[in-house]
Structures are given as C-alpha cells and as structure tokens.
C-alpha cells in the first residue's frame, strides 16, 4: 500500500481550514473541527492525516475487487 500524496491545506484568516487534493477542494473545516485538525496535523504524517479527514484514502484492494469475476458484467 502506498502512502497518500497530493494533499495540501491552508488556514484562512477566519480560522477555516481548506484541504485540497491535487488542486481541487476536498474538504472545508470550521470551528472545533478545524482546531482538532490543526492539532492532529502537527502530531502525525500530514498526508495521511489529510487523507483520513477527507475520506480520500484507498485501502489498496480496489483494483483487485474490480477485477474479481463476481464483479464483472455478464
């Protein structure tokens, strides 16, 4: 499984945090959620934290599942 990449984040003046993935907005956090995110981003791997917060991480089995005979169109 490869590590997530392509995430960036920016904190606005009003305390809102905007997370982007490859230049596209992925999540906007405000208030307590933004504060929790900022605390977590300092203590862990930033790419992994942003992937988890946006729900845009993959488990590595998507291609395997897509190619499984049960999931093929008949």
PDB file of N, CA and C in Angstrom:
ATOM      1  N   UNK A   1       0.847  -1.171   0.000  1.00  0.00           N
ATOM      2  CA  UNK A   1       0.000   0.000   0.000  1.00  0.00           C
ATOM      3  C   UNK A   1       0.890   1.230   0.000  1.00  0.00           C
ATOM      4  N   UNK A   2       0.643   2.151  -0.891  1.00  0.00           N
ATOM      5  CA  UNK A   2       1.460   3.354  -0.954  1.00  0.00           C
ATOM      6  C   UNK A   2       0.842   4.460  -0.104  1.00  0.00           C
ATOM      7  N   UNK A   3       1.699   5.359   0.315  1.00  0.00           N
ATOM      8  CA  UNK A   3       1.247   6.472   1.156  1.00  0.00           C
ATOM      9  C   UNK A   3       0.475   7.476   0.306  1.00  0.00           C
ATOM     10  N   UNK A   4      -0.523   8.136   0.871  1.00  0.00           N
ATOM     11  CA  UNK A   4      -1.275   9.141   0.121  1.00  0.00           C
ATOM     12  C   UNK A   4      -0.394  10.340  -0.205  1.00  0.00           C
ATOM     13  N   UNK A   5      -0.632  10.933  -1.359  1.00  0.00           N
ATOM     14  CA  UNK A   5       0.111  12.124  -1.773  1.00  0.00           C
ATOM     15  C   UNK A   5      -0.842  13.102  -2.440  1.00  0.00           C
ATOM     16  N   UNK A   6      -0.372  14.330  -2.646  1.00  0.00           N
ATOM     17  CA  UNK A   6      -1.141  15.326  -3.376  1.00  0.00           C
ATOM     18  C   UNK A   6      -2.028  16.211  -2.529  1.00  0.00           C
ATOM     19  N   UNK A   7      -1.992  16.052  -1.215  1.00  0.00           N
ATOM     20  CA  UNK A   7      -2.837  16.869  -0.345  1.00  0.00           C
ATOM     21  C   UNK A   7      -2.090  18.110   0.119  1.00  0.00           C
ATOM     22  N   UNK A   8      -2.799  19.225   0.186  1.00  0.00           N
ATOM     23  CA  UNK A   8      -2.278  20.456   0.786  1.00  0.00           C
ATOM     24  C   UNK A   8      -3.388  21.060   1.630  1.00  0.00           C
ATOM     25  N   UNK A   9      -3.010  21.912   2.555  1.00  0.00           N
ATOM     26  CA  UNK A   9      -4.016  22.578   3.365  1.00  0.00           C
ATOM     27  C   UNK A   9      -3.603  24.029   3.569  1.00  0.00           C
ATOM     28  N   UNK A  10      -4.609  24.853   3.824  1.00  0.00           N
ATOM     29  CA  UNK A  10      -4.373  26.275   4.032  1.00  0.00           C
ATOM     30  C   UNK A  10      -5.352  26.762   5.088  1.00  0.00           C
ATOM     31  N   UNK A  11      -4.829  27.529   6.022  1.00  0.00           N
ATOM     32  CA  UNK A  11      -5.687  28.112   7.057  1.00  0.00           C
ATOM     33  C   UNK A  11      -6.005  29.544   6.664  1.00  0.00           C
ATOM     34  N   UNK A  12      -7.272  29.862   6.630  1.00  0.00           N
ATOM     35  CA  UNK A  12      -7.713  31.218   6.296  1.00  0.00           C
ATOM     36  C   UNK A  12      -7.697  32.092   7.540  1.00  0.00           C
ATOM     37  N   UNK A  13      -7.845  33.371   7.348  1.00  0.00           N
ATOM     38  CA  UNK A  13      -7.818  34.324   8.440  1.00  0.00           C
ATOM     39  C   UNK A  13      -8.943  34.141   9.446  1.00  0.00           C
ATOM     40  N   UNK A  14     -10.075  33.606   9.019  1.00  0.00           N
ATOM     41  CA  UNK A  14     -11.211  33.414   9.914  1.00  0.00           C
ATOM     42  C   UNK A  14     -11.155  32.076  10.664  1.00  0.00           C
ATOM     43  N   UNK A  15     -10.043  31.329  10.518  1.00  0.00           N
ATOM     44  CA  UNK A  15      -9.883  30.062  11.215  1.00  0.00           C
ATOM     45  C   UNK A  15     -10.341  28.848  10.416  1.00  0.00           C
ATOM     46  N   UNK A  16     -10.907  29.062   9.246  1.00  0.00           N
ATOM     47  CA  UNK A  16     -11.340  27.971   8.384  1.00  0.00           C
ATOM     48  C   UNK A  16     -10.121  27.305   7.761  1.00  0.00           C
ATOM     49  N   UNK A  17     -10.155  25.999   7.671  1.00  0.00           N
ATOM     50  CA  UNK A  17      -9.083  25.237   7.033  1.00  0.00           C
ATOM     51  C   UNK A  17      -9.637  24.611   5.767  1.00  0.00           C
ATOM     52  N   UNK A  18      -8.935  24.827   4.653  1.00  0.00           N
ATOM     53  CA  UNK A  18      -9.334  24.254   3.377  1.00  0.00           C
ATOM     54  C   UNK A  18      -8.290  23.210   2.984  1.00  0.00           C
ATOM     55  N   UNK A  19      -8.741  21.979   2.759  1.00  0.00           N
ATOM     56  CA  UNK A  19      -7.864  20.896   2.321  1.00  0.00           C
ATOM     57  C   UNK A  19      -8.125  20.666   0.840  1.00  0.00           C
ATOM     58  N   UNK A  20      -7.046  20.636   0.052  1.00  0.00           N
ATOM     59  CA  UNK A  20      -7.176  20.363  -1.373  1.00  0.00           C
ATOM     60  C   UNK A  20      -6.409  19.095  -1.725  1.00  0.00           C
ATOM     61  N   UNK A  21      -6.873  18.438  -2.762  1.00  0.00           N
ATOM     62  CA  UNK A  21      -6.195  17.252  -3.271  1.00  0.00           C
ATOM     63  C   UNK A  21      -5.954  17.466  -4.755  1.00  0.00           C
ATOM     64  N   UNK A  22      -4.682  17.565  -5.102  1.00  0.00           N
ATOM     65  CA  UNK A  22      -4.262  17.831  -6.479  1.00  0.00           C
ATOM     66  C   UNK A  22      -4.924  19.076  -7.045  1.00  0.00           C
ATOM     67  N   UNK A  23      -4.997  20.116  -6.204  1.00  0.00           N
ATOM     68  CA  UNK A  23      -5.514  21.410  -6.630  1.00  0.00           C
ATOM     69  C   UNK A  23      -7.015  21.589  -6.539  1.00  0.00           C
ATOM     70  N   UNK A  24      -7.740  20.535  -6.199  1.00  0.00           N
ATOM     71  CA  UNK A  24      -9.198  20.635  -6.099  1.00  0.00           C
ATOM     72  C   UNK A  24      -9.623  20.586  -4.639  1.00  0.00           C
ATOM     73  N   UNK A  25     -10.597  21.404  -4.255  1.00  0.00           N
ATOM     74  CA  UNK A  25     -11.060  21.376  -2.860  1.00  0.00           C
ATOM     75  C   UNK A  25     -11.600  20.007  -2.478  1.00  0.00           C
ATOM     76  N   UNK A  26     -11.117  19.489  -1.346  1.00  0.00           N
ATOM     77  CA  UNK A  26     -11.562  18.185  -0.873  1.00  0.00           C
ATOM     78  C   UNK A  26     -12.379  18.305   0.406  1.00  0.00           C
ATOM     79  N   UNK A  27     -12.075  19.305   1.240  1.00  0.00           N
ATOM     80  CA  UNK A  27     -12.814  19.483   2.495  1.00  0.00           C
ATOM     81  C   UNK A  27     -12.600  20.901   3.004  1.00  0.00           C
ATOM     82  N   UNK A  28     -13.598  21.408   3.699  1.00  0.00           N
ATOM     83  CA  UNK A  28     -13.515  22.693   4.383  1.00  0.00           C
ATOM     84  C   UNK A  28     -13.907  22.446   5.831  1.00  0.00           C
ATOM     85  N   UNK A  29     -13.016  22.804   6.736  1.00  0.00           N
ATOM     86  CA  UNK A  29     -13.252  22.573   8.162  1.00  0.00           C
ATOM     87  C   UNK A  29     -13.387  23.908   8.868  1.00  0.00           C
ATOM     88  N   UNK A  30     -14.352  23.998   9.763  1.00  0.00           N
ATOM     89  CA  UNK A  30     -14.586  25.231  10.511  1.00  0.00           C
ATOM     90  C   UNK A  30     -14.709  24.918  11.998  1.00  0.00           C
ATOM     91  N   UNK A  31     -14.459  25.914  12.813  1.00  0.00           N
ATOM     92  CA  UNK A  31     -14.683  25.804  14.253  1.00  0.00           C
ATOM     93  C   UNK A  31     -13.844  24.745  14.935  1.00  0.00           C
ATOM     94  N   UNK A  32     -14.509  23.939  15.761  1.00  0.00           N
ATOM     95  CA  UNK A  32     -13.829  22.919  16.558  1.00  0.00           C
ATOM     96  C   UNK A  32     -13.178  21.855  15.676  1.00  0.00           C
ATOM     97  N   UNK A  33     -13.810  21.519  14.552  1.00  0.00           N
ATOM     98  CA  UNK A  33     -13.214  20.525  13.649  1.00  0.00           C
ATOM     99  C   UNK A  33     -11.899  21.042  13.076  1.00  0.00           C
ATOM    100  N   UNK A  34     -11.830  22.318  12.732  1.00  0.00           N
ATOM    101  CA  UNK A  34     -10.593  22.899  12.211  1.00  0.00           C
ATOM    102  C   UNK A  34      -9.504  22.880  13.280  1.00  0.00           C
ATOM    103  N   UNK A  35      -9.857  23.212  14.513  1.00  0.00           N
ATOM    104  CA  UNK A  35      -8.880  23.206  15.608  1.00  0.00           C
ATOM    105  C   UNK A  35      -8.360  21.789  15.864  1.00  0.00           C
ATOM    106  N   UNK A  36      -9.246  20.808  15.827  1.00  0.00           N
ATOM    107  CA  UNK A  36      -8.838  19.420  16.018  1.00  0.00           C
ATOM    108  C   UNK A  36      -7.910  18.975  14.890  1.00  0.00           C
ATOM    109  N   UNK A  37      -8.242  19.357  13.666  1.00  0.00           N
ATOM    110  CA  UNK A  37      -7.399  19.018  12.515  1.00  0.00           C
ATOM    111  C   UNK A  37      -6.008  19.623  12.661  1.00  0.00           C
ATOM    112  N   UNK A  38      -5.931  20.892  13.034  1.00  0.00           N
ATOM    113  CA  UNK A  38      -4.635  21.561  13.175  1.00  0.00           C
ATOM    114  C   UNK A  38      -3.782  20.915  14.259  1.00  0.00           C
ATOM    115  N   UNK A  39      -4.405  20.483  15.339  1.00  0.00           N
ATOM    116  CA  UNK A  39      -3.659  19.795  16.392  1.00  0.00           C
ATOM    117  C   UNK A  39      -3.156  18.443  15.898  1.00  0.00           C
ATOM    118  N   UNK A  40      -3.965  17.766  15.131  1.00  0.00           N
ATOM    119  CA  UNK A  40      -3.591  16.445  14.635  1.00  0.00           C
ATOM    120  C   UNK A  40      -2.530  16.519  13.538  1.00  0.00           C
ATOM    121  N   UNK A  41      -2.569  17.550  12.733  1.00  0.00           N
ATOM    122  CA  UNK A  41      -1.622  17.682  11.621  1.00  0.00           C
ATOM    123  C   UNK A  41      -0.199  17.883  12.141  1.00  0.00           C
ATOM    124  N   UNK A  42      -0.079  18.501  13.324  1.00  0.00           N
ATOM    125  CA  UNK A  42       1.245  18.726  13.918  1.00  0.00           C
ATOM    126  C   UNK A  42       1.829  17.459  14.528  1.00  0.00           C
ATOM    127  N   UNK A  43       0.982  16.494  14.860  1.00  0.00           N
ATOM    128  CA  UNK A  43       1.468  15.322  15.581  1.00  0.00           C
ATOM    129  C   UNK A  43       1.633  14.080  14.707  1.00  0.00           C
ATOM    130  N   UNK A  44       1.229  14.127  13.454  1.00  0.00           N
ATOM    131  CA  UNK A  44       1.309  12.932  12.621  1.00  0.00           C
ATOM    132  C   UNK A  44       1.794  13.237  11.224  1.00  0.00           C
ATOM    133  N   UNK A  45       1.724  12.240  10.350  1.00  0.00           N
ATOM    134  CA  UNK A  45       2.079  12.400   8.948  1.00  0.00           C
ATOM    135  C   UNK A  45       1.009  13.260   8.270  1.00  0.00           C
ATOM    136  N   UNK A  46       1.358  14.463   7.807  1.00  0.00           N
ATOM    137  CA  UNK A  46       0.342  15.368   7.252  1.00  0.00           C
ATOM    138  C   UNK A  46      -0.461  14.773   6.094  1.00  0.00           C
ATOM    139  N   UNK A  47       0.175  14.047   5.191  1.00  0.00           N
ATOM    140  CA  UNK A  47      -0.544  13.473   4.058  1.00  0.00           C
ATOM    141  C   UNK A  47      -1.565  12.443   4.511  1.00  0.00           C
ATOM    142  N   UNK A  48      -1.187  11.609   5.436  1.00  0.00           N
ATOM    143  CA  UNK A  48      -2.098  10.589   5.942  1.00  0.00           C
ATOM    144  C   UNK A  48      -3.251  11.207   6.729  1.00  0.00           C
ATOM    145  N   UNK A  49      -2.949  12.219   7.520  1.00  0.00           N
ATOM    146  CA  UNK A  49      -3.995  12.905   8.294  1.00  0.00           C
ATOM    147  C   UNK A  49      -5.012  13.550   7.353  1.00  0.00           C
ATOM    148  N   UNK A  50      -4.516  14.247   6.309  1.00  0.00           N
ATOM    149  CA  UNK A  50      -5.445  14.899   5.373  1.00  0.00           C
ATOM    150  C   UNK A  50      -6.252  13.873   4.592  1.00  0.00           C
ATOM    151  N   UNK A  51      -5.657  12.764   4.224  1.00  0.00           N
ATOM    152  CA  UNK A  51      -6.384  11.720   3.508  1.00  0.00           C
ATOM    153  C   UNK A  51      -7.502  11.162   4.378  1.00  0.00           C
ATOM    154  N   UNK A  52      -7.208  10.960   5.647  1.00  0.00           N
ATOM    155  CA  UNK A  52      -8.219  10.420   6.557  1.00  0.00           C
ATOM    156  C   UNK A  52      -9.351  11.423   6.787  1.00  0.00           C
ATOM    157  N   UNK A  53      -9.012  12.696   6.936  1.00  0.00           N
ATOM    158  CA  UNK A  53     -10.034  13.719   7.182  1.00  0.00           C
ATOM    159  C   UNK A  53     -10.939  13.926   5.968  1.00  0.00           C
ATOM    160  N   UNK A  54     -10.421  13.717   4.777  1.00  0.00           N
ATOM    161  CA  UNK A  54     -11.241  13.922   3.581  1.00  0.00           C
ATOM    162  C   UNK A  54     -11.933  12.649   3.132  1.00  0.00           C
ATOM    163  N   UNK A  55     -11.511  11.511   3.661  1.00  0.00           N
ATOM    164  CA  UNK A  55     -12.093  10.247   3.240  1.00  0.00           C
ATOM    165  C   UNK A  55     -11.598   9.818   1.877  1.00  0.00           C
ATOM    166  N   UNK A  56     -10.497  10.403   1.418  1.00  0.00           N
ATOM    167  CA  UNK A  56      -9.989  10.139   0.072  1.00  0.00           C
ATOM    168  C   UNK A  56      -8.821   9.168   0.067  1.00  0.00           C
ATOM    169  N   UNK A  57      -8.732   8.334   1.062  1.00  0.00           N
ATOM    170  CA  UNK A  57      -7.645   7.364   1.056  1.00  0.00           C
ATOM    171  C   UNK A  57      -8.155   6.028   0.547  1.00  0.00           C
ATOM    172  N   UNK A  58      -7.258   5.251   0.028  1.00  0.00           N
ATOM    173  CA  UNK A  58      -7.615   3.963  -0.551  1.00  0.00           C
ATOM    174  C   UNK A  58      -6.978   2.857   0.263  1.00  0.00           C
ATOM    175  N   UNK A  59      -7.572   1.715   0.219  1.00  0.00           N
ATOM    176  CA  UNK A  59      -7.099   0.589   1.009  1.00  0.00           C
ATOM    177  C   UNK A  59      -6.195  -0.338   0.217  1.00  0.00           C
ATOM    178  N   UNK A  60      -6.071  -0.143  -1.080  1.00  0.00           N
ATOM    179  CA  UNK A  60      -5.190  -0.953  -1.889  1.00  0.00           C
ATOM    180  C   UNK A  60      -5.854  -2.146  -2.543  1.00  0.00           C
ATOM    181  N   UNK A  61      -7.119  -2.388  -2.257  1.00  0.00           N
ATOM    182  CA  UNK A  61      -7.767  -3.562  -2.827  1.00  0.00           C
ATOM    183  C   UNK A  61      -8.810  -3.204  -3.888  1.00  0.00           C
ATOM    184  N   UNK A  62      -8.883  -1.954  -4.299  1.00  0.00           N
ATOM    185  CA  UNK A  62      -9.912  -1.551  -5.249  1.00  0.00           C
ATOM    186  C   UNK A  62      -9.729  -2.229  -6.600  1.00  0.00           C
ATOM    187  N   UNK A  63      -8.502  -2.278  -7.106  1.00  0.00           N
ATOM    188  CA  UNK A  63      -8.269  -2.899  -8.398  1.00  0.00           C
ATOM    189  C   UNK A  63      -8.544  -4.398  -8.328  1.00  0.00           C
ATOM    190  N   UNK A  64      -8.123  -5.029  -7.260  1.00  0.00           N
ATOM    191  CA  UNK A  64      -8.362  -6.456  -7.091  1.00  0.00           C
ATOM    192  C   UNK A  64      -9.852  -6.744  -7.088  1.00  0.00           C
ATOM    193  N   UNK A  65     -10.615  -5.953  -6.367  1.00  0.00           N
ATOM    194  CA  UNK A  65     -12.065  -6.161  -6.295  1.00  0.00           C
ATOM    195  C   UNK A  65     -12.728  -5.891  -7.640  1.00  0.00           C
ATOM    196  N   UNK A  66     -12.261  -4.887  -8.357  1.00  0.00           N
ATOM    197  CA  UNK A  66     -12.853  -4.563  -9.650  1.00  0.00           C
ATOM    198  C   UNK A  66     -12.641  -5.701 -10.648  1.00  0.00           C
ATOM    199  N   UNK A  67     -11.509  -6.382 -10.554  1.00  0.00           N
ATOM    200  CA  UNK A  67     -11.192  -7.450 -11.492  1.00  0.00           C
ATOM    201  C   UNK A  67     -11.700  -8.822 -11.061  1.00  0.00           C
ATOM    202  N   UNK A  68     -12.334  -8.902  -9.924  1.00  0.00           N
ATOM    203  CA  UNK A  68     -12.840 -10.182  -9.437  1.00  0.00           C
ATOM    204  C   UNK A  68     -13.996 -10.649 -10.329  1.00  0.00           C
ATOM    205  N   UNK A  69     -14.061 -11.941 -10.653  1.00  0.00           N
ATOM    206  CA  UNK A  69     -15.121 -12.442 -11.542  1.00  0.00           C
ATOM    207  C   UNK A  69     -16.529 -12.112 -11.071  1.00  0.00           C
ATOM    208  N   UNK A  70     -16.755 -12.042  -9.783  1.00  0.00           N
ATOM    209  CA  UNK A  70     -18.079 -11.726  -9.262  1.00  0.00           C
ATOM    210  C   UNK A  70     -18.503 -10.313  -9.642  1.00  0.00           C
ATOM    211  N   UNK A  71     -17.552  -9.409  -9.858  1.00  0.00           N
ATOM    212  CA  UNK A  71     -17.864  -8.019 -10.160  1.00  0.00           C
ATOM    213  C   UNK A  71     -17.813  -7.690 -11.642  1.00  0.00           C
ATOM    214  N   UNK A  72     -17.669  -8.699 -12.483  1.00  0.00           N
ATOM    215  CA  UNK A  72     -17.627  -8.480 -13.924  1.00  0.00           C
ATOM    216  C   UNK A  72     -19.043  -8.448 -14.479  1.00  0.00           C
ATOM    217  N   UNK A  73     -19.241  -7.600 -15.461  1.00  0.00           N
ATOM    218  CA  UNK A  73     -20.552  -7.567 -16.127  1.00  0.00           C
ATOM    219  C   UNK A  73     -20.697  -8.808 -16.975  1.00  0.00           C
ATOM    220  N   UNK A  74     -21.888  -9.286 -17.039  1.00  0.00           N
ATOM    221  CA  UNK A  74     -22.124 -10.533 -17.802  1.00  0.00           C
ATOM    222  C   UNK A  74     -22.748 -10.251 -19.114  1.00  0.00           C
TER     223      UNK A  74
END
